[in-house]
Amino acid sequence: MTFQIFRECLCKVEVSSVMLGSPYNHTAEAPATFILVGIPGLQSFHLWLALSLSTMYTTALLGNTLIVAVIWVDSTLQEPMYCFLCVLAAVDMVMASSVVPKMVSIFSSGDNAISFNACFTQMYFVHAAAAVETGLLLAMAFDRYVAICKPLHYKRILTPRVMLGMSVTIIIRAIMSMTPLSWMVSHLPFCGSNVVLHSYCEHMAVAKLACADPRPSSLYSLIVSSIIVGSDVAFIAASYILILQTVFSLSSKNAQLKALSTCGSHVGIMALYYLPGMASIYVAWLGEDTVPLCTQVLLADFYLIIPPSLNPIIYGLRMKQIRTQTWGLLIHCLFNHSNLGSGTQALEQTRQLQRCPS
């Protein structure tokens, strides 16, 4: 199926004249609505894509909600790693919810109209959430570095005050970097076609519809994303290099394998997030004429839905504490919601499981 999709993508890069909308009317008024095409060239696969997106979105919502609930209600899961994981789960839900419901509506029913204000609101939340997520991945990599390389100083380094400062800095950085981008694009004059050749209001796809030169906003996006993601990836890579050096110096092979398994899964999910995201930006900027449009749109879609779906599994359910607490919470909610005593017993059983070796 994947091969067939990309073969169809390569063969059907042109978009019909009906989808491209009416000719320029050269009015100064902004359009009341934009029309989101979806994935150009893959219209015949839209229903299958809607089913796939619905499944991944449901998984993302259920998994991340469960992670937040377990960490929130259990006082034993208040370490920095779990707090960052809780915030990451919330950001994942915001990022996925900003685009997936509308994408499913486009793919399943053809409801592809989005108002001018809603389009730029979606644009802001998508890109701000992505900027927050990359900062959280860096914070979690730093947490693992301190925990493995400097375990005796862990509580002294990652104090609640430091954690709060890191979280606030990540959010402020995202707001300060993404607000100018959305403002620049929203204030461009739109006097021609209102058809966005994308499945959501991605800023470069919208900026191309403007009557003015969109390169300043596109250049701003390229520079800011390169600085933020480039610096974050560099520090994350440095953290895991130091972690690997420490791991390989351990005498216990079991400890080495356990640490490598954890680090490997973390690096895998980071690659799934960073590679499609950066590829979509650089391809849209540099490879417009060589890379099919549907490939550009697919890359931009992948990094918004795949990581939120996999993060609960990679970061959450692989952790023994979260697994046991999740199981206890599910048992309590499904079977003992009306029996407080039974709920207390289930919680105690969960804590007993935590004391058992992995």
Protein backbone atom coordinates (compact mmCIF):
# COMPACT_ATOMS: atom_id res chain seq x y z
CA MET A 1 0.00 0.00 0.00
CA THR A 2 2.81 2.45 0.88
CA PHE A 3 4.56 1.77 -2.44
CA GLN A 4 1.30 2.30 -4.29
CA ILE A 5 0.69 5.62 -2.52
CA PHE A 6 4.10 7.00 -3.40
CA ARG A 7 3.85 5.70 -6.98
CA GLU A 8 0.51 7.50 -7.30
CA CYS A 9 2.11 10.55 -5.73
CA LEU A 10 4.91 10.64 -8.29
CA CYS A 11 2.54 10.20 -11.21
CA LYS A 12 -0.18 12.64 -10.18
CA VAL A 13 1.67 15.74 -9.04
CA GLU A 14 -0.53 18.02 -11.10
CA VAL A 15 -3.68 19.45 -9.54
CA SER A 16 -6.80 19.95 -11.62
CA SER A 17 -7.78 23.44 -12.69
CA VAL A 18 -11.00 23.13 -10.70
CA MET A 19 -9.05 22.67 -7.46
CA LEU A 20 -6.82 25.62 -8.15
CA GLY A 21 -9.81 27.93 -7.85
CA SER A 22 -10.75 31.00 -9.79
CA PRO A 23 -8.23 33.34 -11.44
CA TYR A 24 -6.82 36.26 -9.50
CA ASN A 25 -9.40 38.96 -8.89
CA HIS A 26 -6.78 41.48 -7.73
CA THR A 27 -8.82 42.76 -4.81
CA ALA A 28 -7.12 43.95 -1.64
CA GLU A 29 -9.51 42.12 0.66
CA ALA A 30 -8.36 39.00 2.46
CA PRO A 31 -10.38 35.86 1.61
CA ALA A 32 -13.09 34.92 4.08
CA THR A 33 -12.03 31.27 3.84
CA PHE A 34 -9.19 29.14 2.56
CA ILE A 35 -9.67 25.81 0.79
CA LEU A 36 -7.39 23.02 1.97
CA VAL A 37 -6.73 20.56 -0.86
CA GLY A 38 -5.52 17.73 1.37
CA ILE A 39 -2.69 15.80 -0.30
CA PRO A 40 -2.43 16.83 -3.97
CA GLY A 41 -2.23 13.84 -6.27
CA LEU A 42 -3.49 11.36 -3.66
CA GLN A 43 -7.20 12.14 -3.70
CA SER A 44 -8.03 8.49 -4.42
CA PHE A 45 -6.34 7.49 -1.15
CA HIS A 46 -8.03 10.11 1.03
CA LEU A 47 -10.49 7.68 2.60
CA TRP A 48 -7.71 5.27 3.59
CA LEU A 49 -5.70 8.18 4.96
CA ALA A 50 -8.73 9.31 6.99
CA LEU A 51 -9.03 5.85 8.56
CA SER A 52 -5.30 5.74 9.34
CA LEU A 53 -5.29 9.23 10.82
CA SER A 54 -8.37 8.48 12.93
CA THR A 55 -6.69 5.38 14.36
CA MET A 56 -3.44 7.19 15.14
CA TYR A 57 -5.27 10.20 16.59
CA THR A 58 -7.38 8.00 18.87
CA THR A 59 -4.23 6.21 20.00
CA ALA A 60 -2.51 9.55 20.66
CA LEU A 61 -5.43 10.93 22.68
CA LEU A 62 -5.97 7.80 24.78
CA GLY A 63 -2.28 7.13 25.37
CA ASN A 64 -1.31 10.69 26.26
CA THR A 65 -4.41 11.23 28.42
CA LEU A 66 -3.57 8.07 30.33
CA ILE A 67 0.04 9.21 30.82
CA VAL A 68 -1.08 12.61 32.16
CA ALA A 69 -3.69 11.04 34.46
CA VAL A 70 -1.28 8.49 35.94
CA ILE A 71 1.49 11.02 36.58
CA TRP A 72 -0.95 13.61 37.93
CA VAL A 73 -2.66 11.37 40.50
CA ASP A 74 0.36 9.38 41.70
CA SER A 75 2.56 11.27 44.13
CA THR A 76 5.39 8.77 43.62
CA LEU A 77 5.83 9.89 40.00
CA GLN A 78 6.97 13.44 40.68
CA GLU A 79 10.54 13.12 39.45
CA PRO A 80 11.71 15.56 36.74
CA MET A 81 11.54 12.93 33.96
CA TYR A 82 7.88 12.22 34.67
CA CYS A 83 7.00 15.91 34.92
CA PHE A 84 8.59 16.58 31.52
CA LEU A 85 6.80 13.52 30.15
CA CYS A 86 3.48 14.84 31.44
CA VAL A 87 4.01 18.19 29.73
CA LEU A 88 5.14 16.42 26.54
CA ALA A 89 1.94 14.36 26.51
CA ALA A 90 -0.17 17.51 26.88
CA VAL A 91 1.72 19.26 24.06
CA ASP A 92 1.33 16.19 21.84
CA MET A 93 -2.43 16.31 22.31
CA VAL A 94 -2.52 20.02 21.46
CA MET A 95 -0.36 19.56 18.36
CA ALA A 96 -2.34 16.59 17.04
CA SER A 97 -5.72 18.17 17.88
CA SER A 98 -4.77 21.33 15.99
CA VAL A 99 -4.65 19.55 12.64
CA VAL A 100 -5.95 15.96 12.67
CA PRO A 101 -9.72 16.57 13.13
CA LYS A 102 -9.76 18.96 10.17
CA MET A 103 -7.57 16.63 8.09
CA VAL A 104 -9.92 13.71 8.76
CA SER A 105 -12.87 15.91 7.77
CA ILE A 106 -11.13 16.82 4.50
CA PHE A 107 -10.20 13.23 3.66
CA SER A 108 -13.52 11.63 4.62
CA SER A 109 -16.21 14.14 3.66
CA GLY A 110 -14.48 16.76 1.52
CA ASP A 111 -15.18 19.54 4.06
CA ASN A 112 -12.05 21.47 3.12
CA ALA A 113 -13.05 25.08 3.91
CA ILE A 114 -11.39 26.85 6.84
CA SER A 115 -11.97 30.47 7.83
CA PHE A 116 -9.23 33.08 7.58
CA ASN A 117 -8.89 33.48 11.37
CA ALA A 118 -9.12 29.74 12.04
CA CYS A 119 -6.39 29.11 9.49
CA PHE A 120 -3.89 31.41 11.20
CA THR A 121 -4.91 30.20 14.65
CA GLN A 122 -4.19 26.65 13.51
CA MET A 123 -0.88 27.78 12.01
CA TYR A 124 0.21 29.39 15.28
CA PHE A 125 -0.72 26.47 17.53
CA VAL A 126 0.87 23.87 15.24
CA HIS A 127 4.20 25.63 14.97
CA ALA A 128 4.28 26.80 18.60
CA ALA A 129 3.53 23.27 19.84
CA ALA A 130 6.29 21.90 17.59
CA ALA A 131 8.74 24.44 19.05
CA VAL A 132 7.73 23.48 22.60
CA GLU A 133 8.10 19.78 21.80
CA THR A 134 11.67 20.09 20.57
CA GLY A 135 12.56 21.95 23.77
CA LEU A 136 10.97 19.23 25.89
CA LEU A 137 12.92 16.53 24.05
CA LEU A 138 16.09 18.44 24.91
CA ALA A 139 15.04 18.75 28.57
CA MET A 140 14.33 15.02 28.77
CA ALA A 141 17.70 14.20 27.19
CA PHE A 142 19.38 16.43 29.79
CA ASP A 143 17.45 14.65 32.53
CA ARG A 144 18.73 11.26 31.30
CA TYR A 145 22.28 12.66 31.13
CA VAL A 146 22.19 13.84 34.74
CA ALA A 147 20.51 10.63 35.95
CA ILE A 148 23.07 8.33 34.29
CA CYS A 149 26.25 10.39 34.30
CA LYS A 150 25.83 12.29 37.57
CA PRO A 151 23.42 10.18 39.65
CA LEU A 152 24.72 11.41 43.02
CA HIS A 153 24.01 15.04 42.06
CA TYR A 154 20.63 14.40 40.38
CA LYS A 155 18.39 15.96 43.03
CA ARG A 156 20.78 18.85 43.59
CA ILE A 157 20.92 19.73 39.86
CA LEU A 158 17.32 19.14 38.83
CA THR A 159 15.51 20.97 41.59
CA PRO A 160 11.85 22.03 41.22
CA ARG A 161 13.04 25.58 40.63
CA VAL A 162 15.35 24.48 37.79
CA MET A 163 12.57 22.38 36.25
CA LEU A 164 10.15 25.31 36.37
CA GLY A 165 12.75 27.60 34.85
CA MET A 166 13.43 25.15 32.02
CA SER A 167 9.72 24.73 31.28
CA VAL A 168 9.05 28.48 31.28
CA THR A 169 12.08 29.11 29.06
CA ILE A 170 10.90 26.48 26.56
CA ILE A 171 7.42 28.01 26.36
CA ILE A 172 8.70 31.60 26.09
CA ARG A 173 11.14 30.59 23.36
CA ALA A 174 8.31 29.01 21.37
CA ILE A 175 6.03 32.03 21.75
CA MET A 176 8.74 34.55 20.86
CA SER A 177 9.86 32.59 17.80
CA MET A 178 6.46 31.63 16.37
CA THR A 179 4.43 34.78 17.03
CA PRO A 180 6.35 36.90 14.47
CA LEU A 181 5.99 34.15 11.86
CA SER A 182 2.19 33.94 12.14
CA TRP A 183 1.94 37.74 12.25
CA MET A 184 4.07 38.15 9.10
CA VAL A 185 2.02 35.66 7.09
CA SER A 186 -1.39 36.88 8.32
CA HIS A 187 -0.55 40.46 7.31
CA LEU A 188 0.38 39.57 3.74
CA PRO A 189 -2.11 40.78 1.09
CA PHE A 190 -4.20 37.91 -0.31
CA CYS A 191 -5.85 38.97 -3.56
CA GLY A 192 -5.80 35.82 -5.66
CA SER A 193 -6.50 32.12 -5.26
CA ASN A 194 -7.55 30.94 -1.80
CA VAL A 195 -6.69 27.27 -2.43
CA VAL A 196 -3.98 25.98 -0.07
CA LEU A 197 -2.11 23.03 -1.59
CA HIS A 198 -1.74 21.35 1.77
CA SER A 199 -3.73 19.38 4.34
CA TYR A 200 -3.45 22.09 7.03
CA CYS A 201 -2.46 25.77 7.20
CA GLU A 202 1.26 25.24 6.92
CA HIS A 203 2.81 28.69 6.80
CA MET A 204 4.78 28.34 3.57
CA ALA A 205 1.81 26.85 1.71
CA VAL A 206 -0.37 29.78 2.80
CA ALA A 207 2.32 32.43 2.19
CA LYS A 208 2.65 31.31 -1.44
CA LEU A 209 -0.93 32.55 -2.06
CA ALA A 210 -0.05 36.13 -1.14
CA CYS A 211 0.19 38.86 -3.75
CA ALA A 212 3.34 40.19 -2.05
CA ASP A 213 6.73 38.52 -1.88
CA PRO A 214 6.47 35.66 0.66
CA ARG A 215 10.24 35.15 0.92
CA PRO A 216 10.78 37.27 4.08
CA SER A 217 8.45 35.08 6.14
CA SER A 218 9.80 31.90 4.53
CA LEU A 219 13.38 32.99 5.20
CA TYR A 220 12.48 33.84 8.80
CA SER A 221 10.97 30.37 9.21
CA LEU A 222 14.05 28.69 7.74
CA ILE A 223 16.49 30.63 9.93
CA VAL A 224 14.53 30.31 13.18
CA SER A 225 13.76 26.61 12.73
CA SER A 226 17.38 25.90 11.84
CA ILE A 227 18.64 27.73 14.94
CA ILE A 228 16.12 26.14 17.34
CA VAL A 229 16.20 22.61 15.99
CA GLY A 230 19.89 22.70 15.16
CA SER A 231 20.91 23.77 18.66
CA ASP A 232 18.49 21.33 20.32
CA VAL A 233 19.67 18.40 18.21
CA ALA A 234 23.32 19.29 18.88
CA PHE A 235 22.77 19.32 22.66
CA ILE A 236 20.66 16.14 22.53
CA ALA A 237 23.38 14.38 20.54
CA ALA A 238 26.04 15.56 23.00
CA SER A 239 23.94 14.29 25.92
CA TYR A 240 23.53 10.82 24.43
CA ILE A 241 27.19 10.60 23.45
CA LEU A 242 28.14 11.27 27.07
CA ILE A 243 25.49 8.79 28.22
CA LEU A 244 26.90 6.09 25.93
CA GLN A 245 30.40 6.73 27.20
CA THR A 246 29.18 6.24 30.76
CA VAL A 247 27.12 3.17 29.85
CA PHE A 248 30.01 1.40 28.12
CA SER A 249 32.18 2.00 31.18
CA LEU A 250 29.76 -0.03 33.34
CA SER A 251 30.91 -3.49 34.35
CA SER A 252 27.41 -5.01 34.28
CA LYS A 253 26.32 -6.20 30.83
CA ASN A 254 22.71 -6.27 31.99
CA ALA A 255 22.88 -2.59 32.99
CA GLN A 256 24.49 -1.75 29.65
CA LEU A 257 21.77 -3.49 27.65
CA LYS A 258 19.01 -1.87 29.70
CA ALA A 259 20.47 1.63 29.26
CA LEU A 260 21.09 1.06 25.54
CA SER A 261 17.51 -0.18 25.06
CA THR A 262 16.10 2.92 26.73
CA CYS A 263 18.39 5.33 24.88
CA GLY A 264 17.78 3.58 21.57
CA SER A 265 14.01 3.95 21.83
CA HIS A 266 14.37 7.62 22.76
CA VAL A 267 16.68 8.31 19.83
CA GLY A 268 14.28 6.48 17.51
CA ILE A 269 11.29 8.64 18.40
CA MET A 270 13.43 11.78 18.11
CA ALA A 271 14.48 10.73 14.61
CA LEU A 272 10.82 10.19 13.66
CA TYR A 273 10.08 13.72 14.87
CA TYR A 274 13.08 15.69 13.61
CA LEU A 275 13.83 14.08 10.24
CA PRO A 276 10.38 14.51 8.58
CA GLY A 277 9.94 17.97 10.14
CA MET A 278 13.25 19.37 8.94
CA ALA A 279 12.97 17.60 5.60
CA SER A 280 9.59 19.22 4.96
CA ILE A 281 11.01 22.67 5.69
CA TYR A 282 14.14 22.34 3.56
CA VAL A 283 12.33 20.56 0.72
CA ALA A 284 9.67 23.28 0.60
CA TRP A 285 12.41 25.93 0.53
CA LEU A 286 14.98 24.31 -1.75
CA GLY A 287 13.36 21.44 -3.62
CA GLU A 288 10.03 22.71 -4.91
CA ASP A 289 10.75 21.71 -8.49
CA THR A 290 12.42 18.35 -7.80
CA VAL A 291 10.32 16.80 -5.01
CA PRO A 292 6.63 16.01 -5.73
CA LEU A 293 4.21 18.22 -3.84
CA CYS A 294 2.44 15.25 -2.27
CA THR A 295 5.76 14.09 -0.78
CA GLN A 296 6.27 17.50 0.79
CA VAL A 297 2.78 17.41 2.31
CA LEU A 298 3.21 13.85 3.59
CA LEU A 299 6.48 14.76 5.31
CA ALA A 300 4.82 17.74 6.99
CA ASP A 301 1.92 15.54 8.13
CA PHE A 302 4.05 12.68 9.45
CA TYR A 303 5.90 14.66 12.12
CA LEU A 304 2.64 16.06 13.51
CA ILE A 305 0.82 12.75 14.08
CA ILE A 306 3.34 9.88 14.29
CA PRO A 307 5.35 11.12 17.31
CA PRO A 308 2.22 11.91 19.41
CA SER A 309 1.00 8.38 18.69
CA LEU A 310 4.29 6.70 19.60
CA ASN A 311 5.46 8.88 22.49
CA PRO A 312 3.13 7.21 25.07
CA ILE A 313 4.59 3.82 24.11
CA ILE A 314 8.23 4.84 23.82
CA TYR A 315 8.46 7.21 26.79
CA GLY A 316 5.65 5.99 28.97
CA LEU A 317 4.69 2.35 28.77
CA ARG A 318 8.33 1.23 28.55
CA MET A 319 8.87 2.69 32.04
CA LYS A 320 8.05 0.14 34.71
CA GLN A 321 6.55 2.67 37.13
CA ILE A 322 4.15 4.01 34.50
CA ARG A 323 3.19 0.50 33.35
CA THR A 324 2.33 -0.68 36.84
CA GLN A 325 0.51 2.51 37.80
CA THR A 326 -1.42 2.48 34.51
CA TRP A 327 -2.52 -1.10 35.13
CA GLY A 328 -3.61 -0.24 38.66
CA LEU A 329 -5.53 2.82 37.46
CA LEU A 330 -7.31 0.84 34.74
CA ILE A 331 -8.31 -1.89 37.21
CA HIS A 332 -9.61 0.74 39.62
CA CYS A 333 -11.59 2.60 36.94
CA LEU A 334 -13.05 -0.51 35.28
CA PHE A 335 -13.89 -2.71 38.25
CA ASN A 336 -13.67 -0.74 41.49
CA HIS A 337 -14.96 2.73 40.66
CA SER A 338 -17.65 2.42 43.33
CA ASN A 339 -15.53 0.66 45.94
CA LEU A 340 -13.02 2.90 47.66
CA GLY A 341 -11.56 0.06 49.68
CA SER A 342 -10.92 -2.02 46.60
CA GLY A 343 -9.33 0.97 44.92
CA THR A 344 -6.93 1.38 47.82
CA GLN A 345 -6.10 -2.32 47.61
CA ALA A 346 -5.39 -2.04 43.87
CA LEU A 347 -3.09 0.92 44.51
CA GLU A 348 -1.24 -1.06 47.16
CA GLN A 349 -0.87 -4.00 44.78
CA THR A 350 0.54 -1.63 42.18
CA ARG A 351 3.11 -0.31 44.61
CA GLN A 352 4.10 -3.87 45.51
CA LEU A 353 4.68 -4.54 41.83
CA GLN A 354 7.00 -1.52 41.67
CA ARG A 355 9.24 -3.11 44.30
CA CYS A 356 9.67 -6.26 42.23
CA PRO A 357 12.69 -6.47 39.91
CA SER A 358 12.17 -5.84 36.19
